[in-house]
Protein backbone atom coordinates (compact mmCIF):
# COMPACT_ATOMS: atom_id res chain seq x y z
CA UNK A 1 0.00 0.00 0.00
CA UNK A 2 1.43 3.27 -1.11
CA UNK A 3 0.87 6.16 1.31
CA UNK A 4 0.23 9.69 -0.01
CA UNK A 5 3.07 12.27 0.27
CA UNK A 6 1.92 15.37 2.17
CA UNK A 7 3.80 18.71 1.75
CA UNK A 8 3.40 21.38 4.40
CA UNK A 9 2.64 24.95 3.17
CA UNK A 10 5.42 26.38 5.29
CA UNK A 11 7.97 24.37 3.31
CA UNK A 12 6.75 25.88 0.03
CA UNK A 13 7.12 29.45 1.30
CA UNK A 14 10.61 28.79 2.58
CA UNK A 15 11.68 27.20 -0.68
CA UNK A 16 10.36 30.16 -2.75
CA UNK A 17 12.26 32.62 -0.58
CA UNK A 18 15.48 30.66 -1.04
CA UNK A 19 15.02 30.60 -4.81
CA UNK A 20 14.41 34.38 -4.99
CA UNK A 21 17.50 34.99 -2.89
CA UNK A 22 19.57 32.82 -5.15
CA UNK A 23 18.35 34.69 -8.22
CA UNK A 24 19.32 38.06 -6.68
CA UNK A 25 15.75 39.35 -6.46
CA UNK A 26 14.05 41.11 -3.57
CA UNK A 27 10.54 40.19 -2.47
CA UNK A 28 7.80 42.70 -3.08
CA UNK A 29 7.51 45.44 -0.48
CA UNK A 30 5.24 48.24 0.60
CA UNK A 31 3.78 51.21 -1.25
CA UNK A 32 7.08 53.09 -1.58
CA UNK A 33 7.69 51.67 -5.02
CA UNK A 34 9.01 48.24 -3.88
CA UNK A 35 8.87 45.32 -6.22
CA UNK A 36 11.44 46.93 -8.58
CA UNK A 37 15.05 45.79 -8.73
CA UNK A 38 17.48 47.84 -6.63
CA UNK A 39 19.74 48.41 -9.63
CA UNK A 40 16.92 49.93 -11.73
CA UNK A 41 17.24 53.74 -12.05
CA UNK A 42 14.52 56.11 -13.25
CA UNK A 43 15.22 58.71 -15.88
CA UNK A 44 13.86 62.10 -14.85
CA UNK A 45 14.27 65.79 -15.68
CA UNK A 46 15.49 67.98 -12.82
CA UNK A 47 16.23 71.68 -12.62
CA UNK A 48 18.38 73.64 -10.21
CA UNK A 49 16.59 75.98 -7.83
CA UNK A 50 17.53 79.62 -8.32
CA UNK A 51 16.36 82.96 -6.98
CA UNK A 52 14.56 85.36 -9.28
CA UNK A 53 12.35 88.47 -9.04
CA UNK A 54 8.66 87.82 -8.41
CA UNK A 55 5.92 90.38 -8.90
CA UNK A 56 2.53 90.02 -7.24
CA UNK A 57 -0.20 91.66 -9.27
CA UNK A 58 -3.98 91.86 -9.46
CA UNK A 59 -5.86 91.92 -12.80
CA UNK A 60 -8.13 94.94 -13.23
CA UNK A 61 -9.98 96.77 -15.98
CA UNK A 62 -9.76 100.55 -16.22
CA UNK A 63 -10.70 103.29 -18.66
CA UNK A 64 -8.35 105.58 -20.55
CA UNK A 65 -9.03 109.30 -20.38
CA UNK A 66 -7.14 112.22 -21.95
CA UNK A 67 -4.87 114.38 -19.85
CA UNK A 68 -7.08 117.39 -20.63
CA UNK A 69 -10.44 117.52 -22.39
CA UNK A 70 -12.83 120.43 -23.04
CA UNK A 71 -15.79 121.46 -25.17
CA UNK A 72 -14.77 124.60 -27.05
CA UNK A 73 -17.33 127.39 -26.68
CA UNK A 74 -17.36 131.12 -27.29
CA UNK A 75 -17.69 133.76 -24.58
CA UNK A 76 -19.36 136.08 -27.11
CA UNK A 77 -22.33 135.77 -29.43
CA UNK A 78 -21.95 136.46 -33.12
CA UNK A 79 -21.54 135.18 -36.66
CA UNK A 80 -18.79 132.67 -37.51
CA UNK A 81 -16.50 134.12 -40.17
CA UNK A 82 -13.62 131.67 -40.08
CA UNK A 83 -12.83 128.15 -38.93
CA UNK A 84 -9.06 127.93 -38.59
CA UNK A 85 -8.59 124.23 -37.80
CA UNK A 86 -8.86 120.90 -39.58
CA UNK A 87 -10.88 118.22 -37.87
CA UNK A 88 -8.68 115.72 -36.06
CA UNK A 89 -5.56 117.87 -36.40
CA UNK A 90 -3.13 118.71 -33.63
CA UNK A 91 -2.90 122.37 -32.63
CA UNK A 92 -0.48 124.28 -30.43
CA UNK A 93 -1.46 126.18 -27.30
CA UNK A 94 -2.76 129.63 -28.30
CA UNK A 95 -3.62 128.63 -31.87
CA UNK A 96 -6.69 130.31 -33.44
CA UNK A 97 -9.63 127.92 -33.74
CA UNK A 98 -12.68 130.02 -34.68
CA UNK A 99 -13.17 133.72 -35.54
CA UNK A 100 -16.44 135.65 -35.23
CA UNK A 101 -17.52 138.81 -37.04
CA UNK A 102 -15.67 141.65 -35.27
CA UNK A 103 -17.33 144.63 -36.91
CA UNK A 104 -19.90 145.23 -34.14
CA UNK A 105 -17.30 144.78 -31.42
CA UNK A 106 -14.87 147.14 -33.17
CA UNK A 107 -17.56 149.82 -33.60
CA UNK A 108 -18.61 149.77 -29.96
CA UNK A 109 -14.93 149.89 -28.96
CA UNK A 110 -14.37 153.02 -31.07
CA UNK A 111 -17.43 154.62 -29.51
CA UNK A 112 -16.18 153.88 -26.01
CA UNK A 113 -12.67 155.14 -26.83
CA UNK A 114 -14.11 158.43 -28.09
CA UNK A 115 -16.15 158.85 -24.92
CA UNK A 116 -13.02 158.08 -22.91
CA UNK A 117 -11.02 160.80 -24.66
CA UNK A 118 -13.76 163.35 -24.05
CA UNK A 119 -14.03 162.45 -20.38
CA UNK A 120 -10.24 162.64 -20.02
CA UNK A 121 -10.27 166.19 -21.43
CA UNK A 122 -13.14 167.19 -19.15
CA UNK A 123 -11.24 165.77 -16.17
CA UNK A 124 -8.13 167.78 -17.00
CA UNK A 125 -10.18 171.01 -17.24
CA UNK A 126 -11.93 170.17 -14.00
CA UNK A 127 -8.58 169.75 -12.27
CA UNK A 128 -7.48 173.22 -13.42
CA UNK A 129 -10.78 174.82 -12.46
CA UNK A 130 -10.68 173.15 -9.03
CA UNK A 131 -7.16 174.48 -8.41
CA UNK A 132 -8.42 177.95 -9.35
CA UNK A 133 -11.44 177.35 -7.09
CA UNK A 134 -13.81 178.08 -9.95
CA UNK A 135 -15.87 174.89 -9.52
CA UNK A 136 -17.00 173.04 -6.40
CA UNK A 137 -15.47 169.66 -5.40
CA UNK A 138 -18.67 167.92 -6.45
CA UNK A 139 -18.21 168.90 -10.11
CA UNK A 140 -14.67 167.60 -10.07
CA UNK A 141 -15.78 164.30 -8.51
CA UNK A 142 -18.43 163.95 -11.23
CA UNK A 143 -15.86 164.45 -13.99
CA UNK A 144 -13.49 161.95 -12.37
CA UNK A 145 -16.25 159.33 -12.04
CA UNK A 146 -17.28 159.79 -15.69
CA UNK A 147 -13.68 159.25 -16.76
CA UNK A 148 -13.38 156.04 -14.72
CA UNK A 149 -16.66 154.68 -16.12
CA UNK A 150 -15.58 155.35 -19.70
CA UNK A 151 -12.18 153.77 -19.06
CA UNK A 152 -13.85 150.61 -17.75
CA UNK A 153 -16.17 150.58 -20.79
CA UNK A 154 -13.15 150.65 -23.11
CA UNK A 155 -11.53 147.74 -21.28
CA UNK A 156 -14.78 145.77 -21.56
CA UNK A 157 -15.14 146.49 -25.29
CA UNK A 158 -11.53 145.44 -25.88
CA UNK A 159 -12.21 142.17 -24.09
CA UNK A 160 -15.35 141.58 -26.15
CA UNK A 161 -13.35 142.21 -29.33
CA UNK A 162 -10.75 139.73 -28.15
CA UNK A 163 -13.48 137.18 -27.37
CA UNK A 164 -14.52 137.27 -31.02
CA UNK A 165 -11.51 135.01 -31.63
CA UNK A 166 -11.41 131.63 -29.89
CA UNK A 167 -7.94 130.22 -29.20
CA UNK A 168 -6.76 126.80 -27.99
CA UNK A 169 -6.05 126.99 -24.24
CA UNK A 170 -3.59 124.08 -24.44
CA UNK A 171 -1.89 121.94 -27.07
CA UNK A 172 -3.99 119.03 -28.20
CA UNK A 173 -6.10 117.40 -30.90
CA UNK A 174 -9.34 119.00 -32.08
CA UNK A 175 -12.42 116.94 -32.70
CA UNK A 176 -15.20 117.30 -35.25
CA UNK A 177 -16.41 120.85 -35.84
CA UNK A 178 -19.97 121.59 -34.84
CA UNK A 179 -20.45 124.91 -36.68
CA UNK A 180 -20.02 126.34 -40.17
CA UNK A 181 -19.02 129.77 -41.50
CA UNK A 182 -21.95 132.19 -41.45
CA UNK A 183 -23.65 130.42 -38.56
CA UNK A 184 -24.91 132.52 -35.67
CA UNK A 185 -23.74 131.09 -32.37
CA UNK A 186 -24.59 131.75 -28.75
CA UNK A 187 -22.49 131.36 -25.66
CA UNK A 188 -23.88 127.84 -25.21
CA UNK A 189 -22.93 126.66 -28.70
CA UNK A 190 -20.31 123.89 -28.84
CA UNK A 191 -17.82 124.71 -31.58
CA UNK A 192 -15.61 121.59 -31.30
CA UNK A 193 -13.74 119.57 -28.71
CA UNK A 194 -10.08 119.70 -27.73
CA UNK A 195 -8.23 116.86 -26.04
CA UNK A 196 -4.63 116.44 -24.95
CA UNK A 197 -3.66 112.88 -25.87
CA UNK A 198 0.11 113.25 -25.46
CA UNK A 199 -0.38 111.97 -21.93
CA UNK A 200 -3.27 109.68 -21.04
CA UNK A 201 -4.82 108.81 -17.69
CA UNK A 202 -5.68 105.24 -16.80
CA UNK A 203 -8.55 105.45 -14.30
CA UNK A 204 -9.51 102.39 -12.30
CA UNK A 205 -11.28 101.37 -9.10
CA UNK A 206 -9.16 99.44 -6.58
CA UNK A 207 -10.81 97.18 -3.98
CA UNK A 208 -10.23 98.21 -0.39
CA UNK A 209 -8.14 95.13 0.50
CA UNK A 210 -5.39 96.13 -1.96
CA UNK A 211 -5.02 99.78 -0.93
CA UNK A 212 -2.43 99.05 1.73
CA UNK A 213 -0.07 97.72 -0.93
CA UNK A 214 -0.56 100.62 -3.33
CA UNK A 215 1.53 103.78 -3.44
CA UNK A 216 2.04 106.86 -5.58
CA UNK A 217 4.82 106.31 -8.12
CA UNK A 218 3.98 102.63 -8.57
CA UNK A 219 4.24 101.23 -12.12
CA UNK A 220 1.36 99.52 -13.93
CA UNK A 221 1.28 97.57 -17.17
CA UNK A 222 -1.82 97.14 -19.31
CA UNK A 223 -3.06 96.11 -22.74
CA UNK A 224 -5.84 97.38 -24.97
CA UNK A 225 -7.89 95.40 -27.46
CA UNK A 226 -6.70 97.56 -30.36
CA UNK A 227 -3.09 96.43 -29.83
CA UNK A 228 -3.31 93.03 -28.07
CA UNK A 229 0.37 92.20 -28.60
CA UNK A 230 1.67 95.45 -27.06
CA UNK A 231 2.12 96.42 -23.42
CA UNK A 232 1.80 99.98 -22.18
CA UNK A 233 3.28 101.32 -18.95
CA UNK A 234 1.92 103.95 -16.59
CA UNK A 235 2.74 105.44 -13.20
CA UNK A 236 0.25 105.93 -10.36
CA UNK A 237 -0.02 109.60 -9.39
CA UNK A 238 -3.39 109.79 -7.57
CA UNK A 239 -5.08 107.61 -4.95
CA UNK A 240 -8.47 108.83 -3.79
CA UNK A 241 -8.53 109.78 -0.10
CA UNK A 242 -11.97 108.19 0.32
CA UNK A 243 -13.77 105.04 -0.80
CA UNK A 244 -16.90 104.75 -2.90
CA UNK A 245 -19.44 103.71 -0.28
CA UNK A 246 -21.46 101.43 -2.56
CA UNK A 247 -18.54 99.44 -3.98
CA UNK A 248 -15.87 99.87 -1.28
CA UNK A 249 -13.35 100.82 -3.95
CA UNK A 250 -11.04 103.82 -4.35
CA UNK A 251 -10.40 105.73 -7.56
CA UNK A 252 -6.79 105.43 -8.72
CA UNK A 253 -5.22 107.30 -11.65
CA UNK A 254 -2.01 106.62 -13.52
CA UNK A 255 -0.25 108.71 -16.18
CA UNK A 256 0.61 106.98 -19.45
CA UNK A 257 2.89 108.40 -22.12
CA UNK A 258 1.11 108.51 -25.48
CA UNK A 259 3.54 110.43 -27.67
CA UNK A 260 2.74 108.19 -30.65
CA UNK A 261 -1.00 108.87 -30.27
CA UNK A 262 -2.07 105.22 -30.48
CA UNK A 263 -4.16 105.29 -27.31
CA UNK A 264 -7.59 106.91 -27.53
CA UNK A 265 -9.90 108.25 -24.88
CA UNK A 266 -12.50 105.73 -23.75
CA UNK A 267 -10.43 102.60 -24.45
CA UNK A 268 -10.59 99.82 -21.88
CA UNK A 269 -7.25 99.13 -20.21
CA UNK A 270 -6.73 95.52 -19.13
CA UNK A 271 -3.98 95.85 -16.59
CA UNK A 272 -2.01 93.96 -13.98
CA UNK A 273 -1.47 96.20 -11.00
CA UNK A 274 1.84 95.33 -9.33
CA UNK A 275 1.25 95.16 -5.60
CA UNK A 276 4.46 93.60 -4.29
CA UNK A 277 7.90 92.89 -5.70
CA UNK A 278 10.31 90.35 -4.22
CA UNK A 279 13.74 90.63 -5.80
CA UNK A 280 15.09 87.22 -4.74
CA UNK A 281 12.31 84.64 -4.49
CA UNK A 282 12.65 80.90 -5.07
CA UNK A 283 10.41 79.80 -7.95
CA UNK A 284 9.99 76.25 -9.25
CA UNK A 285 7.99 74.86 -12.21
CA UNK A 286 4.43 73.82 -11.41
CA UNK A 287 4.90 70.17 -12.59
CA UNK A 288 7.40 69.59 -9.76
CA UNK A 289 4.71 70.00 -7.09
CA UNK A 290 2.81 67.04 -5.62
CA UNK A 291 -0.28 67.61 -3.50
CA UNK A 292 -1.08 65.42 -0.50
CA UNK A 293 -4.08 66.93 1.24
CA UNK A 294 -2.97 70.27 2.64
CA UNK A 295 0.71 69.42 2.16
CA UNK A 296 2.76 70.24 -0.93
CA UNK A 297 5.71 67.99 -1.74
CA UNK A 298 8.58 67.93 -4.22
CA UNK A 299 11.23 65.37 -5.10
CA UNK A 300 14.76 66.68 -4.55
CA UNK A 301 17.80 65.01 -6.11
CA UNK A 302 19.85 63.70 -3.19
CA UNK A 303 23.63 63.46 -2.89
CA UNK A 304 23.52 59.84 -4.13
CA UNK A 305 21.42 60.88 -7.17
CA UNK A 306 18.36 59.48 -5.50
CA UNK A 307 14.89 60.95 -4.99
CA UNK A 308 14.22 62.60 -1.63
CA UNK A 309 10.65 63.60 -0.87
CA UNK A 310 10.51 67.03 0.80
CA UNK A 311 7.56 69.16 1.99
CA UNK A 312 7.50 72.78 0.83
CA UNK A 313 5.47 75.87 1.69
CA UNK A 314 4.18 77.70 -1.37
CA UNK A 315 3.58 81.40 -1.82
CA UNK A 316 2.47 83.20 -4.94
CA UNK A 317 1.13 81.11 -7.82
CA UNK A 318 2.46 82.20 -11.21
CA UNK A 319 1.83 81.12 -14.79
CA UNK A 320 3.26 77.57 -14.92
CA UNK A 321 5.29 78.08 -11.74
CA UNK A 322 5.01 78.69 -8.01
CA UNK A 323 6.95 80.60 -5.39
CA UNK A 324 8.47 78.51 -2.59
CA UNK A 325 8.58 80.23 0.80
CA UNK A 326 10.34 77.42 2.68
CA UNK A 327 11.63 73.88 2.13
CA UNK A 328 14.13 74.59 -0.66
CA UNK A 329 17.41 76.43 -0.96
CA UNK A 330 19.25 77.80 -4.01
CA UNK A 331 21.32 75.00 -5.54
CA UNK A 332 18.78 72.24 -4.77
CA UNK A 333 17.64 70.24 -7.78
CA UNK A 334 13.95 69.37 -8.06
CA UNK A 335 12.41 66.77 -10.33
CA UNK A 336 10.01 68.31 -12.86
CA UNK A 337 9.39 65.35 -15.20
CA UNK A 338 8.93 61.79 -14.02
CA UNK A 339 7.65 62.68 -10.54
CA UNK A 340 4.75 60.21 -10.73
CA UNK A 341 6.90 57.17 -11.46
CA UNK A 342 9.48 57.57 -8.69
CA UNK A 343 9.38 57.07 -4.94
CA UNK A 344 11.30 58.25 -1.91
CA UNK A 345 14.85 56.93 -2.18
CA UNK A 346 14.50 55.83 -5.82
CA UNK A 347 17.75 55.92 -7.85
CA UNK A 348 17.69 58.50 -10.61
CA UNK A 349 19.26 59.16 -13.98
CA UNK A 350 19.13 62.86 -14.86
CA UNK A 351 18.09 63.52 -18.44
CA UNK A 352 19.74 66.18 -20.57
CA UNK A 353 18.79 67.78 -23.86
CA UNK A 354 15.97 70.03 -25.09
CA UNK A 355 13.46 68.83 -22.50
CA UNK A 356 15.75 69.73 -19.59
CA UNK A 357 16.89 72.97 -21.23
CA UNK A 358 13.28 74.15 -21.59
CA UNK A 359 12.81 74.16 -17.82
CA UNK A 360 16.17 75.75 -17.16
CA UNK A 361 15.26 78.93 -19.12
Foldseek 3Di string as FASTA:
>chain_A
DDDDDDDDPVVVVVVVVVVCVVVVHDDADDDQQGPDHQVDAAEFAKEFWFWAKDFAWDKFKWFKAFPDKDFDFFPAWAFWADADDDAFDWDAAFAWGTAGDLPVLVVQLVVLVVQLVVLVVVLVVLVVCVVVVNDDVVSNVVSVVSNVVSVVSNVVSVVNSVSRITTHNHIFTKHDADDDGGDIDHRPDGGTMGGHRQKMKTKGWAAPVLVVLDDFQFKKWWDFPVCRVDIWMWTWHDWAPDADVVRNTIITMTITGCNVVPDDGGTMTTIIGGRDMDGTWTKAFPQQWDDDPPWIWGWWQDPQRFTAIWTFDWDDDDVRMTTTPDTDDGRIMTTRGPPVPHGHGHHYDHDDDDVNVVRHD
